[in-house]
Amino acid sequence: MEQLTNCICGSGIPYTECCGLYHSGKKNAPTAEILMRTRFTAFAMENEAYILETWEPAKRPLRVNFPKKGTQWKRLEIVEKKKGGSQDTKGIVEFKAYYLLEGEEYAVNEISRFRKGQGRWYYLDGAVKSIAKVGQQTNRGKNAPCPCSSGKKYKRCCGKPK
């Protein structure tokens, strides 16, 4: 990415002043949201070293499985965040990542968990809520996965009458 090109993480500032600072090792992400943004940009750039370095060591895979060639990551949208601030030790970030594949636009909606240790944020894991073509209706009914990441259906978790 060029210096004048805005970072695809959605910050609205040039890559070199944004995710580039974290990818180069000059800075560590101060919040879970910023780590999410830097990891998205690293994933789009296929920067495997950064992704693995920021993954919780106990859960880190040997390699990153990048999508097939021809996938073009376009933008990131933060949907919701819980904790994950500079003073927290845990955080959750829900996001939508948009990409083009064979001329069609898709969105991945995921809830990711983060933890802070030794003064650094690390990615723990994530639960994909949906992957769909943009504009296509996704399953949001009672049988859809619960957005709280419990692993249960919505009707058996947060959608259960009290």
N, C-alpha and C. Protein backbone atom coordinates (compact mmCIF):
# COMPACT_ATOMS: atom_id res chain seq x y z
N MET A 1 0.84 -1.19 0.00
CA MET A 1 0.00 0.00 0.00
C MET A 1 0.88 1.24 0.00
N GLU A 2 0.47 2.21 -0.75
CA GLU A 2 1.24 3.44 -0.83
C GLU A 2 0.95 4.32 0.38
N GLN A 3 1.86 5.27 0.61
CA GLN A 3 1.72 6.17 1.75
C GLN A 3 0.44 7.00 1.67
N LEU A 4 0.04 7.42 0.48
CA LEU A 4 -1.11 8.29 0.34
C LEU A 4 -2.44 7.53 0.33
N THR A 5 -2.39 6.21 0.24
CA THR A 5 -3.59 5.40 0.22
C THR A 5 -4.10 5.21 1.64
N ASN A 6 -5.39 5.49 1.85
CA ASN A 6 -5.97 5.27 3.17
C ASN A 6 -5.97 3.78 3.49
N CYS A 7 -5.74 3.48 4.72
CA CYS A 7 -5.67 2.10 5.19
C CYS A 7 -7.05 1.45 5.03
N ILE A 8 -7.07 0.17 4.63
CA ILE A 8 -8.35 -0.50 4.43
C ILE A 8 -9.03 -0.89 5.73
N CYS A 9 -8.39 -0.64 6.87
CA CYS A 9 -9.00 -0.98 8.16
C CYS A 9 -10.16 -0.06 8.50
N GLY A 10 -10.33 1.02 7.76
CA GLY A 10 -11.45 1.92 7.98
C GLY A 10 -11.14 3.13 8.83
N SER A 11 -9.88 3.34 9.17
CA SER A 11 -9.52 4.48 10.03
C SER A 11 -9.60 5.81 9.30
N GLY A 12 -9.46 5.78 7.97
CA GLY A 12 -9.49 7.01 7.20
C GLY A 12 -8.14 7.71 7.11
N ILE A 13 -7.08 7.07 7.61
CA ILE A 13 -5.73 7.66 7.53
C ILE A 13 -4.83 6.75 6.72
N PRO A 14 -3.71 7.29 6.19
CA PRO A 14 -2.82 6.48 5.36
C PRO A 14 -2.26 5.26 6.10
N TYR A 15 -2.06 4.20 5.34
CA TYR A 15 -1.54 2.94 5.88
C TYR A 15 -0.27 3.15 6.70
N THR A 16 0.65 3.97 6.21
CA THR A 16 1.93 4.15 6.90
C THR A 16 1.78 4.82 8.27
N GLU A 17 0.69 5.57 8.45
CA GLU A 17 0.43 6.23 9.73
C GLU A 17 -0.55 5.43 10.58
N CYS A 18 -1.01 4.32 10.06
CA CYS A 18 -2.04 3.52 10.72
C CYS A 18 -1.50 2.11 10.96
N CYS A 19 -2.05 1.13 10.29
CA CYS A 19 -1.65 -0.27 10.50
C CYS A 19 -0.18 -0.51 10.19
N GLY A 20 0.39 0.28 9.29
CA GLY A 20 1.80 0.13 8.97
C GLY A 20 2.71 0.27 10.18
N LEU A 21 2.35 1.14 11.13
CA LEU A 21 3.14 1.32 12.36
C LEU A 21 3.14 0.04 13.20
N TYR A 22 2.03 -0.66 13.23
CA TYR A 22 1.92 -1.90 14.00
C TYR A 22 2.58 -3.06 13.27
N HIS A 23 2.37 -3.13 11.95
CA HIS A 23 2.97 -4.20 11.16
C HIS A 23 4.49 -4.13 11.19
N SER A 24 5.04 -2.93 11.27
CA SER A 24 6.50 -2.76 11.29
C SER A 24 7.11 -3.05 12.66
N GLY A 25 6.25 -3.16 13.69
CA GLY A 25 6.74 -3.41 15.04
C GLY A 25 7.07 -2.14 15.82
N LYS A 26 6.81 -0.98 15.23
CA LYS A 26 7.10 0.29 15.91
C LYS A 26 6.15 0.53 17.08
N LYS A 27 4.95 -0.03 16.99
CA LYS A 27 3.94 0.14 18.04
C LYS A 27 3.21 -1.18 18.26
N ASN A 28 2.66 -1.35 19.48
CA ASN A 28 1.74 -2.44 19.77
C ASN A 28 0.34 -1.87 19.86
N ALA A 29 -0.64 -2.62 19.43
CA ALA A 29 -2.03 -2.16 19.46
C ALA A 29 -2.46 -1.88 20.90
N PRO A 30 -2.95 -0.67 21.19
CA PRO A 30 -3.35 -0.31 22.55
C PRO A 30 -4.73 -0.83 22.97
N THR A 31 -5.55 -1.26 21.99
CA THR A 31 -6.89 -1.77 22.30
C THR A 31 -7.17 -3.00 21.44
N ALA A 32 -8.19 -3.76 21.86
CA ALA A 32 -8.60 -4.94 21.09
C ALA A 32 -9.11 -4.53 19.70
N GLU A 33 -9.83 -3.41 19.63
CA GLU A 33 -10.34 -2.96 18.33
C GLU A 33 -9.20 -2.63 17.37
N ILE A 34 -8.20 -1.95 17.85
CA ILE A 34 -7.07 -1.60 16.97
C ILE A 34 -6.34 -2.87 16.54
N LEU A 35 -6.20 -3.84 17.45
CA LEU A 35 -5.58 -5.11 17.04
C LEU A 35 -6.43 -5.78 15.97
N MET A 36 -7.75 -5.75 16.11
CA MET A 36 -8.63 -6.34 15.10
C MET A 36 -8.40 -5.66 13.76
N ARG A 37 -8.33 -4.34 13.76
CA ARG A 37 -8.11 -3.60 12.52
C ARG A 37 -6.76 -3.95 11.88
N THR A 38 -5.71 -4.03 12.70
CA THR A 38 -4.39 -4.33 12.16
C THR A 38 -4.31 -5.77 11.63
N ARG A 39 -5.01 -6.67 12.28
CA ARG A 39 -5.02 -8.07 11.82
C ARG A 39 -5.81 -8.20 10.51
N PHE A 40 -6.90 -7.46 10.38
CA PHE A 40 -7.65 -7.48 9.12
C PHE A 40 -6.76 -7.00 7.97
N THR A 41 -6.09 -5.89 8.20
CA THR A 41 -5.21 -5.34 7.15
C THR A 41 -4.08 -6.32 6.83
N ALA A 42 -3.51 -6.93 7.87
CA ALA A 42 -2.45 -7.93 7.65
C ALA A 42 -2.99 -9.12 6.87
N PHE A 43 -4.21 -9.54 7.17
CA PHE A 43 -4.82 -10.66 6.45
C PHE A 43 -5.02 -10.30 4.98
N ALA A 44 -5.49 -9.08 4.73
CA ALA A 44 -5.70 -8.63 3.35
C ALA A 44 -4.39 -8.58 2.58
N MET A 45 -3.29 -8.27 3.28
CA MET A 45 -1.97 -8.17 2.66
C MET A 45 -1.21 -9.50 2.70
N GLU A 46 -1.84 -10.53 3.27
CA GLU A 46 -1.21 -11.84 3.47
C GLU A 46 0.09 -11.73 4.24
N ASN A 47 0.07 -10.91 5.30
CA ASN A 47 1.21 -10.72 6.20
C ASN A 47 1.12 -11.76 7.31
N GLU A 48 1.53 -12.97 6.99
CA GLU A 48 1.40 -14.10 7.91
C GLU A 48 2.18 -13.89 9.20
N ALA A 49 3.35 -13.30 9.12
CA ALA A 49 4.19 -13.09 10.31
C ALA A 49 3.45 -12.26 11.36
N TYR A 50 2.81 -11.17 10.95
CA TYR A 50 2.10 -10.31 11.90
C TYR A 50 0.89 -11.03 12.50
N ILE A 51 0.16 -11.72 11.67
CA ILE A 51 -1.03 -12.43 12.15
C ILE A 51 -0.62 -13.46 13.22
N LEU A 52 0.41 -14.23 12.93
CA LEU A 52 0.85 -15.25 13.89
C LEU A 52 1.42 -14.62 15.16
N GLU A 53 2.15 -13.54 15.03
CA GLU A 53 2.75 -12.84 16.18
C GLU A 53 1.69 -12.30 17.13
N THR A 54 0.53 -11.92 16.61
CA THR A 54 -0.52 -11.32 17.43
C THR A 54 -1.59 -12.34 17.85
N TRP A 55 -1.36 -13.60 17.57
CA TRP A 55 -2.28 -14.67 17.95
C TRP A 55 -1.85 -15.20 19.31
N GLU A 56 -2.79 -15.47 20.19
CA GLU A 56 -2.50 -16.05 21.50
C GLU A 56 -1.59 -17.26 21.31
N PRO A 57 -0.37 -17.26 21.92
CA PRO A 57 0.58 -18.35 21.68
C PRO A 57 0.02 -19.75 21.91
N ALA A 58 -0.82 -19.94 22.91
CA ALA A 58 -1.37 -21.27 23.20
C ALA A 58 -2.36 -21.74 22.13
N LYS A 59 -2.90 -20.83 21.34
CA LYS A 59 -3.89 -21.17 20.32
C LYS A 59 -3.40 -20.94 18.89
N ARG A 60 -2.17 -20.47 18.77
CA ARG A 60 -1.60 -20.09 17.47
C ARG A 60 -1.41 -21.32 16.57
N PRO A 61 -1.92 -21.25 15.35
CA PRO A 61 -1.67 -22.35 14.39
C PRO A 61 -0.25 -22.24 13.82
N LEU A 62 0.16 -23.25 13.10
CA LEU A 62 1.48 -23.21 12.47
C LEU A 62 1.48 -22.29 11.25
N ARG A 63 0.34 -22.25 10.56
CA ARG A 63 0.23 -21.43 9.35
C ARG A 63 -1.14 -20.77 9.30
N VAL A 64 -1.24 -19.72 8.52
CA VAL A 64 -2.51 -19.03 8.30
C VAL A 64 -3.09 -19.52 6.98
N ASN A 65 -4.36 -19.88 7.00
CA ASN A 65 -5.03 -20.30 5.78
C ASN A 65 -5.66 -19.09 5.11
N PHE A 66 -4.97 -18.57 4.10
CA PHE A 66 -5.50 -17.43 3.37
C PHE A 66 -6.51 -17.94 2.35
N PRO A 67 -7.49 -17.09 1.98
CA PRO A 67 -8.48 -17.52 0.99
C PRO A 67 -7.84 -17.71 -0.38
N LYS A 68 -8.61 -18.35 -1.26
CA LYS A 68 -8.06 -18.64 -2.58
C LYS A 68 -7.70 -17.35 -3.32
N LYS A 69 -6.81 -17.49 -4.25
CA LYS A 69 -6.36 -16.34 -5.06
C LYS A 69 -7.56 -15.72 -5.75
N GLY A 70 -7.52 -14.42 -5.89
CA GLY A 70 -8.61 -13.71 -6.52
C GLY A 70 -9.53 -13.04 -5.52
N THR A 71 -9.36 -13.35 -4.22
CA THR A 71 -10.14 -12.70 -3.18
C THR A 71 -9.53 -11.33 -2.92
N GLN A 72 -10.33 -10.30 -2.99
CA GLN A 72 -9.85 -8.93 -2.79
C GLN A 72 -10.59 -8.32 -1.61
N TRP A 73 -9.88 -8.15 -0.49
CA TRP A 73 -10.47 -7.57 0.71
C TRP A 73 -10.63 -6.07 0.51
N LYS A 74 -11.82 -5.56 0.83
CA LYS A 74 -12.15 -4.17 0.53
C LYS A 74 -12.22 -3.27 1.75
N ARG A 75 -12.90 -3.72 2.81
CA ARG A 75 -13.09 -2.83 3.96
C ARG A 75 -13.52 -3.62 5.18
N LEU A 76 -13.41 -2.94 6.31
CA LEU A 76 -13.78 -3.51 7.60
C LEU A 76 -14.78 -2.60 8.27
N GLU A 77 -15.79 -3.19 8.88
CA GLU A 77 -16.79 -2.43 9.64
C GLU A 77 -16.87 -3.03 11.04
N ILE A 78 -16.62 -2.22 12.05
CA ILE A 78 -16.76 -2.67 13.42
C ILE A 78 -18.24 -2.55 13.79
N VAL A 79 -18.86 -3.65 14.16
CA VAL A 79 -20.29 -3.68 14.48
C VAL A 79 -20.50 -3.34 15.96
N GLU A 80 -19.71 -3.98 16.83
CA GLU A 80 -19.86 -3.77 18.26
C GLU A 80 -18.58 -4.19 18.96
N LYS A 81 -18.31 -3.58 20.10
CA LYS A 81 -17.16 -3.98 20.91
C LYS A 81 -17.56 -3.98 22.38
N LYS A 82 -17.03 -4.93 23.10
CA LYS A 82 -17.27 -5.03 24.54
C LYS A 82 -15.91 -5.09 25.22
N LYS A 83 -15.69 -4.15 26.11
CA LYS A 83 -14.41 -4.00 26.79
C LYS A 83 -13.31 -3.88 25.75
N GLY A 84 -12.11 -4.35 26.08
CA GLY A 84 -11.02 -4.28 25.12
C GLY A 84 -10.30 -2.96 25.08
N GLY A 85 -10.55 -2.09 26.07
CA GLY A 85 -9.87 -0.81 26.12
C GLY A 85 -8.46 -0.93 26.66
N SER A 86 -7.75 0.16 26.72
CA SER A 86 -6.35 0.14 27.15
C SER A 86 -6.17 -0.35 28.59
N GLN A 87 -7.20 -0.21 29.43
CA GLN A 87 -7.11 -0.65 30.82
C GLN A 87 -7.69 -2.05 31.06
N ASP A 88 -8.30 -2.64 30.04
CA ASP A 88 -8.93 -3.96 30.17
C ASP A 88 -7.93 -5.08 29.89
N THR A 89 -8.32 -6.30 30.27
CA THR A 89 -7.49 -7.48 29.98
C THR A 89 -8.21 -8.44 29.03
N LYS A 90 -9.50 -8.18 28.76
CA LYS A 90 -10.27 -8.99 27.82
C LYS A 90 -11.09 -8.06 26.94
N GLY A 91 -11.41 -8.54 25.77
CA GLY A 91 -12.24 -7.75 24.88
C GLY A 91 -12.89 -8.62 23.82
N ILE A 92 -14.02 -8.15 23.31
CA ILE A 92 -14.75 -8.81 22.23
C ILE A 92 -15.03 -7.77 21.17
N VAL A 93 -14.77 -8.12 19.92
CA VAL A 93 -15.04 -7.21 18.81
C VAL A 93 -15.83 -7.97 17.75
N GLU A 94 -17.02 -7.46 17.44
CA GLU A 94 -17.80 -8.02 16.33
C GLU A 94 -17.54 -7.14 15.12
N PHE A 95 -17.29 -7.77 13.99
CA PHE A 95 -16.98 -7.02 12.78
C PHE A 95 -17.59 -7.66 11.56
N LYS A 96 -17.62 -6.87 10.48
CA LYS A 96 -17.95 -7.38 9.15
C LYS A 96 -16.78 -7.03 8.25
N ALA A 97 -16.26 -8.02 7.56
CA ALA A 97 -15.17 -7.83 6.62
C ALA A 97 -15.73 -8.06 5.21
N TYR A 98 -15.56 -7.09 4.35
CA TYR A 98 -16.11 -7.14 3.00
C TYR A 98 -15.01 -7.49 1.99
N TYR A 99 -15.39 -8.36 1.04
CA TYR A 99 -14.42 -8.74 0.01
C TYR A 99 -15.12 -9.03 -1.30
N LEU A 100 -14.32 -8.98 -2.38
CA LEU A 100 -14.81 -9.32 -3.72
C LEU A 100 -14.23 -10.67 -4.11
N LEU A 101 -15.08 -11.50 -4.70
CA LEU A 101 -14.64 -12.79 -5.22
C LEU A 101 -15.41 -13.04 -6.51
N GLU A 102 -14.68 -13.17 -7.60
CA GLU A 102 -15.26 -13.41 -8.91
C GLU A 102 -16.35 -12.39 -9.24
N GLY A 103 -16.07 -11.12 -8.90
CA GLY A 103 -16.98 -10.03 -9.23
C GLY A 103 -18.15 -9.85 -8.29
N GLU A 104 -18.29 -10.71 -7.31
CA GLU A 104 -19.40 -10.63 -6.34
C GLU A 104 -18.86 -10.12 -5.01
N GLU A 105 -19.65 -9.25 -4.33
CA GLU A 105 -19.23 -8.75 -3.03
C GLU A 105 -19.84 -9.60 -1.92
N TYR A 106 -19.00 -10.00 -0.98
CA TYR A 106 -19.41 -10.81 0.16
C TYR A 106 -19.04 -10.10 1.46
N ALA A 107 -19.66 -10.55 2.54
CA ALA A 107 -19.33 -10.04 3.87
C ALA A 107 -19.24 -11.21 4.84
N VAL A 108 -18.20 -11.20 5.65
CA VAL A 108 -18.04 -12.17 6.73
C VAL A 108 -18.36 -11.41 8.01
N ASN A 109 -19.27 -11.94 8.81
CA ASN A 109 -19.62 -11.34 10.10
C ASN A 109 -19.09 -12.28 11.18
N GLU A 110 -18.19 -11.76 12.02
CA GLU A 110 -17.53 -12.59 13.03
C GLU A 110 -17.47 -11.87 14.37
N ILE A 111 -17.48 -12.65 15.42
CA ILE A 111 -17.24 -12.14 16.76
C ILE A 111 -15.91 -12.71 17.21
N SER A 112 -14.95 -11.84 17.52
CA SER A 112 -13.61 -12.26 17.91
C SER A 112 -13.34 -11.92 19.37
N ARG A 113 -12.60 -12.81 20.03
CA ARG A 113 -12.22 -12.60 21.43
C ARG A 113 -10.72 -12.29 21.50
N PHE A 114 -10.39 -11.39 22.43
CA PHE A 114 -9.01 -10.95 22.61
C PHE A 114 -8.66 -10.97 24.09
N ARG A 115 -7.37 -11.10 24.40
CA ARG A 115 -6.90 -10.98 25.77
C ARG A 115 -5.60 -10.20 25.77
N LYS A 116 -5.35 -9.56 26.89
CA LYS A 116 -4.13 -8.77 27.03
C LYS A 116 -3.22 -9.47 28.02
N GLY A 117 -1.96 -9.63 27.66
CA GLY A 117 -0.96 -10.25 28.52
C GLY A 117 0.39 -9.63 28.26
N GLN A 118 1.16 -9.42 29.29
CA GLN A 118 2.47 -8.76 29.19
C GLN A 118 2.38 -7.43 28.45
N GLY A 119 1.26 -6.72 28.68
CA GLY A 119 1.10 -5.40 28.07
C GLY A 119 0.72 -5.39 26.61
N ARG A 120 0.41 -6.56 26.03
CA ARG A 120 0.05 -6.65 24.60
C ARG A 120 -1.29 -7.34 24.43
N TRP A 121 -2.02 -6.92 23.41
CA TRP A 121 -3.26 -7.59 23.05
C TRP A 121 -2.96 -8.75 22.12
N TYR A 122 -3.71 -9.85 22.30
CA TYR A 122 -3.60 -11.04 21.46
C TYR A 122 -5.00 -11.49 21.05
N TYR A 123 -5.08 -12.01 19.83
CA TYR A 123 -6.31 -12.62 19.33
C TYR A 123 -6.41 -14.02 19.93
N LEU A 124 -7.58 -14.35 20.51
CA LEU A 124 -7.81 -15.69 21.05
C LEU A 124 -8.48 -16.58 20.02
N ASP A 125 -9.69 -16.20 19.63
CA ASP A 125 -10.46 -17.00 18.66
C ASP A 125 -11.65 -16.18 18.19
N GLY A 126 -12.37 -16.76 17.25
CA GLY A 126 -13.53 -16.08 16.71
C GLY A 126 -14.62 -17.04 16.31
N ALA A 127 -15.84 -16.56 16.28
CA ALA A 127 -17.00 -17.33 15.85
C ALA A 127 -17.65 -16.61 14.68
N VAL A 128 -17.71 -17.27 13.54
CA VAL A 128 -18.32 -16.69 12.36
C VAL A 128 -19.83 -16.76 12.50
N LYS A 129 -20.49 -15.61 12.41
CA LYS A 129 -21.95 -15.56 12.49
C LYS A 129 -22.57 -15.83 11.13
N SER A 130 -21.96 -15.27 10.08
CA SER A 130 -22.50 -15.47 8.73
C SER A 130 -21.46 -15.11 7.69
N ILE A 131 -21.62 -15.71 6.53
CA ILE A 131 -20.88 -15.35 5.32
C ILE A 131 -21.94 -15.32 4.22
N ALA A 132 -22.08 -14.17 3.58
CA ALA A 132 -23.13 -14.05 2.58
C ALA A 132 -22.78 -13.00 1.55
N LYS A 133 -23.41 -13.12 0.39
CA LYS A 133 -23.29 -12.07 -0.60
C LYS A 133 -23.94 -10.83 -0.03
N VAL A 134 -23.34 -9.68 -0.30
CA VAL A 134 -23.90 -8.43 0.17
C VAL A 134 -25.25 -8.22 -0.51
N GLY A 135 -26.24 -7.88 0.27
CA GLY A 135 -27.58 -7.69 -0.24
C GLY A 135 -28.45 -8.94 -0.13
N GLN A 136 -27.82 -10.08 0.08
CA GLN A 136 -28.56 -11.33 0.25
C GLN A 136 -29.00 -11.44 1.70
N GLN A 137 -30.21 -11.85 1.93
CA GLN A 137 -30.71 -11.96 3.29
C GLN A 137 -30.05 -13.15 3.98
N THR A 138 -29.59 -12.93 5.20
CA THR A 138 -29.00 -14.01 5.98
C THR A 138 -29.98 -14.47 7.04
N ASN A 139 -29.77 -15.66 7.54
CA ASN A 139 -30.66 -16.24 8.55
C ASN A 139 -30.52 -15.48 9.86
N ARG A 140 -31.54 -14.74 10.23
CA ARG A 140 -31.56 -14.00 11.49
C ARG A 140 -32.70 -14.52 12.37
N GLY A 141 -33.25 -15.68 12.04
CA GLY A 141 -34.38 -16.21 12.79
C GLY A 141 -33.96 -16.87 14.09
N LYS A 142 -34.93 -17.50 14.72
CA LYS A 142 -34.69 -18.13 16.03
C LYS A 142 -33.74 -19.31 15.94
N ASN A 143 -33.55 -19.89 14.76
CA ASN A 143 -32.62 -21.01 14.61
C ASN A 143 -31.21 -20.56 14.25
N ALA A 144 -31.00 -19.26 14.09
CA ALA A 144 -29.67 -18.73 13.79
C ALA A 144 -28.79 -18.83 15.03
N PRO A 145 -27.47 -18.88 14.85
CA PRO A 145 -26.57 -18.89 16.01
C PRO A 145 -26.78 -17.64 16.86
N CYS A 146 -26.70 -17.79 18.16
CA CYS A 146 -26.89 -16.65 19.05
C CYS A 146 -25.71 -15.69 18.91
N PRO A 147 -25.98 -14.38 18.81
CA PRO A 147 -24.90 -13.41 18.65
C PRO A 147 -24.00 -13.26 19.87
N CYS A 148 -24.36 -13.88 21.00
CA CYS A 148 -23.53 -13.75 22.20
C CYS A 148 -22.36 -14.72 22.18
N SER A 149 -22.22 -15.54 21.15
CA SER A 149 -21.12 -16.50 20.98
C SER A 149 -21.20 -17.70 21.92
N SER A 150 -22.38 -18.01 22.42
CA SER A 150 -22.53 -19.16 23.31
C SER A 150 -22.41 -20.47 22.57
N GLY A 151 -22.61 -20.45 21.26
CA GLY A 151 -22.61 -21.67 20.48
C GLY A 151 -23.99 -22.29 20.38
N LYS A 152 -24.97 -21.71 21.09
CA LYS A 152 -26.35 -22.21 21.07
C LYS A 152 -27.14 -21.46 20.00
N LYS A 153 -28.31 -22.04 19.66
CA LYS A 153 -29.23 -21.33 18.79
C LYS A 153 -29.82 -20.16 19.56
N TYR A 154 -30.19 -19.10 18.84
CA TYR A 154 -30.76 -17.91 19.46
C TYR A 154 -31.98 -18.28 20.32
N LYS A 155 -32.84 -19.17 19.83
CA LYS A 155 -34.06 -19.51 20.57
C LYS A 155 -33.77 -20.23 21.88
N ARG A 156 -32.61 -20.86 22.00
CA ARG A 156 -32.25 -21.59 23.23
C ARG A 156 -31.33 -20.78 24.14
N CYS A 157 -31.05 -19.55 23.74
CA CYS A 157 -30.11 -18.71 24.52
C CYS A 157 -30.77 -17.36 24.80
N CYS A 158 -30.27 -16.32 24.17
CA CYS A 158 -30.76 -14.95 24.43
C CYS A 158 -32.19 -14.73 23.96
N GLY A 159 -32.70 -15.56 23.03
CA GLY A 159 -34.06 -15.42 22.54
C GLY A 159 -35.08 -16.20 23.34
N LYS A 160 -34.60 -16.89 24.37
CA LYS A 160 -35.48 -17.69 25.21
C LYS A 160 -36.33 -16.79 26.10
N PRO A 161 -37.66 -17.01 26.11
CA PRO A 161 -38.51 -16.16 26.98
C PRO A 161 -38.12 -16.32 28.44
N LYS A 162 -38.13 -15.22 29.16
CA LYS A 162 -37.73 -15.24 30.56
C LYS A 162 -38.91 -15.36 31.48
